[in-house]
Amino acid sequence: MIRNITIAALAIAVAGTGYWGYTEMQQKEQLQISKENDYQRAFHDLTYHVDQIEDDLGKTLAMNSQRQLTPALANVWRATSLAENNMAELPVQGLELSEAEEYLFKVADFANRTAIRDLDNEPLSDKEYETLTQLYEQSGSIRENMRESQAMMMQQHKQWLDMDEELAHEPKESSVAGNFEKMNESVKGFSEVEWGATDSAIRNLNGELKEALAGREKVSKEEAKEKALEYLQLGEGTNVQISDAAEALEYPAYSLVIDDPDRGANYSMDMSVEGGEPIWFLQDRQIDQASLGLNEASDKAQAFLERGGKESMQLVDSNQYDNIGVFEFAHVEDDVRVYPDSVTIEVALDDGDVISYVGRGHLIHHDNERDIPEPAITKEEAEANVNPQVQIMEDHLAMIENDVHEKVLAYEFYGTINNDTYRIFINAETGEEEKVDRMHGAEPVYNFAE
């Protein structure tokens, strides 16, 4: 009897130890996943902010208005400060990154000191413009290193938690650690630079969308399913899971997850309850080698819009990222491009599938009554206020939103400085420079697959 009790007690102890060990292992795995997610988020934020630094520095070179320069430089300072914070969150303490860290600090300091002074009374000097030009050229080198590291991590399925193993040996140039050190070396090689803001209002886009959709006929979940399948041109037998969207959204919506086994893909979509309008959707699948060019892909995007009854949309911007084409379309009314009324579409360049759609701007602005005024100045008068270094290639009339979200009529000029293309908006009433966008070229395709 005692022997049986002893055996039972030992069995319970062993089982308890096993359960404790299993629980500890699970908790450790969850902590590791959480930590890796934090590192991945910091790294992708860093890549995004480095892109933003280059864009904002590039914009300053095409601006011809001191009023526009102040917020542009403030944006450079903000993005650079955020990039510094992102880098500090990554497990790269064992790498030699002092030059890169010092460079980011100096860019932020220069942009901040320049932005906070009164540029109307003390405009940028020729030397400071030279500094901005140098910083812009150098930021492109850093961006290329970051994009290369990002592509390497994604294609080789690398994890930041494995960084210790890379750091235990001399980092290879083809490794993530080696790429970071290469970036630091490139900063060392930069020529000497003479380093001689208020937050913009945060828009409540969800609230604007709620107001725009209010009063439309409501659709049931079953009707939403049918609309989604028709919109994506999927068969009725396709598996669709539908639920009420998160309460954080201010407008009532359905969230749909759609499985498409024929394409080896699934879709996520938000559709409004009022009106049954797709707000956004995303197709998730492996995208193979590109076989379509941007022109053919833009035709696929245009046809997709026309199938959905959006026939007055004009292509205003296109870019290629790896094997994906990204297209922006704006509504055209009386030969005026209405930029707030726009959609963004992504097309897979392997087979022409529309894999992403964002239509929030179109839903908010399309049904609004708008009064498009006549220009108060001529195109030639507006063009005289464009930076003389910009070689103008194309022009349009456009309705845009300015920094305080007021709709203004503007002349839109496309032009180039060296190898960069810019889109410049000049107010058609006052002649002031309202906005400058740097247009992106195709991103390089990296291949690090093992």
Foldseek 3Di string as FASTA:
>chain_A
DVVVVVVVVVVVVVVVVVVVVVVVVVVVVVVVVVLQVLLVVLLVLLLVLLVQLLFLLVQLLFALDPVVLLASLVSNLVSLVSNLVSVVSAPLVLAPQVLVSVVSVLSNVLSVVQNPDDCVVVNDDPLVSVLSVLVSVLSVLLSLLSVLLVQQCVQAVDTSVCVVVCSVDPHDCNHSSVSSNVNSVSSVVRDDGPSVDDDFDDDPLLVLLQVLLPPADFDDPVVLVVVVCVLQVHDPPWDKDKDWDDPVRPFTWIWIWTDDVVVPWIKIWIFGRGPRHTQKMFIDDDFDQADADLVVLVVLVQVSCVSVVNNQWDWDAWEAEAQKIKTKIAGADPQAGERLQIKIWIAGRRPSRTGMIHGSSNSSPVPDDDDDDDQQDDPVLLVVSTDPQWAWDDKGWYWDAASNGDTFIWIWTWTDHDPWIKIWTAGSHPSHTGDIGTGDYYDDHDDPND
